């Protein structure tokens, strides 16, 4: 922990770094290494040790890893379920530069088309449309019965 981190005001980036170091959840990666392999290993190792709901906080889309795995769907499914996105907003009105992280966990359902276990049916996620006006804006064809129940 550096002196800047020790004296940092709560809510500042240095404060978060100090807290993460003290909790043992921040890993320093050598400059020449690819950090992705470290956090991917940590996530898989946590799961192997019994962590049921392991989440990786990253905005990395990991296109290079998907390519290396020959487009494996299982990797995309893992990413959809275990990657939490983050946005960090600096408070412009704060003189000490505090920041507020906003986390975006995975959805509780998949946005990808899925085939049933027996292979006889496909399931496509469809956004709910609440009115005829909304249908016309989106161009999605839906039954009149669905519109009537929505209105």
Protein backbone atom coordinates (compact mmCIF):
# COMPACT_ATOMS: atom_id res chain seq x y z
CA UNK A 1 0.00 0.00 0.00
CA UNK A 2 1.47 3.33 -1.07
CA UNK A 3 1.37 6.55 0.94
CA UNK A 4 -1.06 8.07 -1.60
CA UNK A 5 -3.40 5.11 -1.11
CA UNK A 6 -3.09 5.31 2.69
CA UNK A 7 -4.06 9.00 2.80
CA UNK A 8 -6.70 8.86 0.05
CA UNK A 9 -10.19 10.13 0.83
CA UNK A 10 -13.02 7.58 0.78
CA UNK A 11 -14.53 7.20 -2.68
CA UNK A 12 -11.37 8.12 -4.60
CA UNK A 13 -9.70 5.64 -6.97
CA UNK A 14 -6.67 5.36 -4.64
CA UNK A 15 -9.00 4.53 -1.72
CA UNK A 16 -10.60 1.68 -3.68
CA UNK A 17 -7.17 0.33 -4.65
CA UNK A 18 -6.06 0.36 -0.99
CA UNK A 19 -9.23 -1.41 0.17
CA UNK A 20 -8.89 -4.06 -2.56
CA UNK A 21 -5.24 -4.65 -1.62
CA UNK A 22 -6.14 -4.98 2.07
CA UNK A 23 -8.91 -7.47 1.24
CA UNK A 24 -6.50 -9.46 -0.92
CA UNK A 25 -8.68 -9.18 -4.03
CA UNK A 26 -6.30 -7.08 -6.15
CA UNK A 27 -3.63 -8.87 -8.11
CA UNK A 28 -0.63 -7.08 -9.62
CA UNK A 29 0.35 -8.53 -13.00
CA UNK A 30 3.84 -8.11 -14.49
CA UNK A 31 3.84 -5.42 -17.18
CA UNK A 32 4.78 -7.81 -19.99
CA UNK A 33 2.07 -10.38 -19.16
CA UNK A 34 -1.50 -10.49 -20.46
CA UNK A 35 -3.73 -9.78 -17.45
CA UNK A 36 -6.69 -11.64 -18.98
CA UNK A 37 -5.13 -15.03 -18.31
CA UNK A 38 -4.66 -14.15 -14.61
CA UNK A 39 -8.25 -13.15 -13.91
CA UNK A 40 -9.63 -15.96 -16.06
CA UNK A 41 -7.57 -18.46 -14.06
CA UNK A 42 -8.64 -16.82 -10.77
CA UNK A 43 -12.32 -17.07 -11.74
CA UNK A 44 -12.06 -20.71 -12.77
CA UNK A 45 -10.01 -21.58 -9.67
CA UNK A 46 -12.58 -19.87 -7.42
CA UNK A 47 -15.32 -21.94 -9.04
CA UNK A 48 -13.28 -25.12 -8.64
CA UNK A 49 -12.86 -24.32 -4.92
CA UNK A 50 -16.60 -24.06 -4.41
CA UNK A 51 -17.50 -20.50 -5.41
CA UNK A 52 -21.00 -20.90 -6.83
CA UNK A 53 -21.64 -17.48 -8.33
CA UNK A 54 -18.20 -16.33 -9.51
CA UNK A 55 -18.30 -12.95 -11.27
CA UNK A 56 -15.53 -11.20 -13.17
CA UNK A 57 -15.76 -7.41 -13.24
CA UNK A 58 -14.45 -6.25 -16.60
CA UNK A 59 -15.44 -4.36 -19.71
CA UNK A 60 -13.20 -6.56 -21.85
CA UNK A 61 -15.26 -8.19 -24.63
CA UNK A 62 -12.58 -10.89 -24.88
CA UNK A 63 -12.81 -11.20 -28.66
CA UNK A 64 -9.21 -12.43 -28.86
CA UNK A 65 -9.92 -15.31 -26.44
CA UNK A 66 -13.07 -16.31 -28.29
CA UNK A 67 -11.08 -16.39 -31.54
CA UNK A 68 -8.36 -18.54 -29.95
CA UNK A 69 -10.98 -21.06 -28.86
CA UNK A 70 -12.22 -21.54 -32.45
CA UNK A 71 -15.45 -19.69 -31.74
CA UNK A 72 -16.52 -21.99 -28.92
CA UNK A 73 -20.12 -21.30 -27.87
CA UNK A 74 -19.41 -22.53 -24.36
CA UNK A 75 -16.98 -19.65 -23.81
CA UNK A 76 -19.61 -17.12 -24.95
CA UNK A 77 -22.14 -18.71 -22.59
CA UNK A 78 -19.66 -18.54 -19.71
CA UNK A 79 -18.97 -14.88 -20.51
CA UNK A 80 -22.70 -14.04 -20.61
CA UNK A 81 -23.22 -15.57 -17.18
CA UNK A 82 -20.07 -14.53 -15.31
CA UNK A 83 -18.99 -11.10 -16.56
CA UNK A 84 -20.18 -8.02 -14.72
CA UNK A 85 -19.62 -4.76 -16.58
CA UNK A 86 -18.61 -1.59 -14.76
CA UNK A 87 -18.82 2.13 -15.34
CA UNK A 88 -16.93 4.54 -13.10
CA UNK A 89 -18.18 8.10 -12.95
CA UNK A 90 -16.08 10.85 -11.43
CA UNK A 91 -18.02 13.28 -9.28
CA UNK A 92 -17.42 16.63 -11.05
CA UNK A 93 -18.61 18.62 -8.04
CA UNK A 94 -16.28 16.91 -5.60
CA UNK A 95 -12.96 18.72 -5.00
CA UNK A 96 -11.14 15.53 -3.97
CA UNK A 97 -12.08 13.55 -7.12
CA UNK A 98 -14.34 10.90 -5.61
CA UNK A 99 -15.82 8.37 -7.98
CA UNK A 100 -18.86 6.16 -7.98
CA UNK A 101 -18.69 2.74 -9.65
CA UNK A 102 -21.87 1.45 -11.29
CA UNK A 103 -22.04 -2.32 -11.81
CA UNK A 104 -24.04 -4.10 -14.52
CA UNK A 105 -24.37 -7.80 -13.64
CA UNK A 106 -25.45 -10.38 -16.23
CA UNK A 107 -29.14 -10.66 -17.02
CA UNK A 108 -30.99 -13.49 -15.25
CA UNK A 109 -31.87 -14.89 -18.70
CA UNK A 110 -29.99 -15.35 -21.96
CA UNK A 111 -30.43 -13.04 -24.95
CA UNK A 112 -29.25 -15.79 -27.30
CA UNK A 113 -31.49 -18.18 -29.25
CA UNK A 114 -31.56 -21.61 -27.63
CA UNK A 115 -32.57 -25.05 -28.81
CA UNK A 116 -34.63 -27.32 -26.55
CA UNK A 117 -32.96 -30.36 -25.00
CA UNK A 118 -34.69 -32.74 -27.40
CA UNK A 119 -33.64 -30.59 -30.39
CA UNK A 120 -37.20 -30.20 -31.67
CA UNK A 121 -37.78 -26.55 -30.88
CA UNK A 122 -35.95 -23.25 -30.85
CA UNK A 123 -36.53 -20.49 -28.31
CA UNK A 124 -35.90 -16.86 -29.28
CA UNK A 125 -35.90 -14.10 -26.67
CA UNK A 126 -38.35 -11.41 -27.76
CA UNK A 127 -38.65 -8.04 -26.04
CA UNK A 128 -42.06 -7.23 -24.61
CA UNK A 129 -44.06 -4.71 -26.63
CA UNK A 130 -46.73 -2.98 -24.63
CA UNK A 131 -48.78 -1.15 -27.29
CA UNK A 132 -49.66 -0.94 -31.00
CA UNK A 133 -47.66 2.29 -31.18
CA UNK A 134 -44.56 0.55 -29.84
CA UNK A 135 -45.07 -2.28 -32.35
CA UNK A 136 -45.12 0.17 -35.25
CA UNK A 137 -41.93 1.84 -34.00
CA UNK A 138 -40.04 -1.46 -33.70
CA UNK A 139 -41.50 -3.21 -36.75
CA UNK A 140 -41.97 -6.44 -34.80
CA UNK A 141 -45.09 -8.33 -35.94
CA UNK A 142 -47.24 -9.47 -33.03
CA UNK A 143 -50.76 -10.83 -32.70
CA UNK A 144 -53.67 -8.48 -31.96
CA UNK A 145 -54.47 -10.61 -28.90
CA UNK A 146 -51.04 -9.81 -27.46
CA UNK A 147 -51.61 -6.08 -28.02
CA UNK A 148 -55.09 -6.22 -26.46
CA UNK A 149 -53.80 -7.93 -23.31
CA UNK A 150 -50.97 -5.37 -23.06
CA UNK A 151 -53.33 -2.41 -23.33
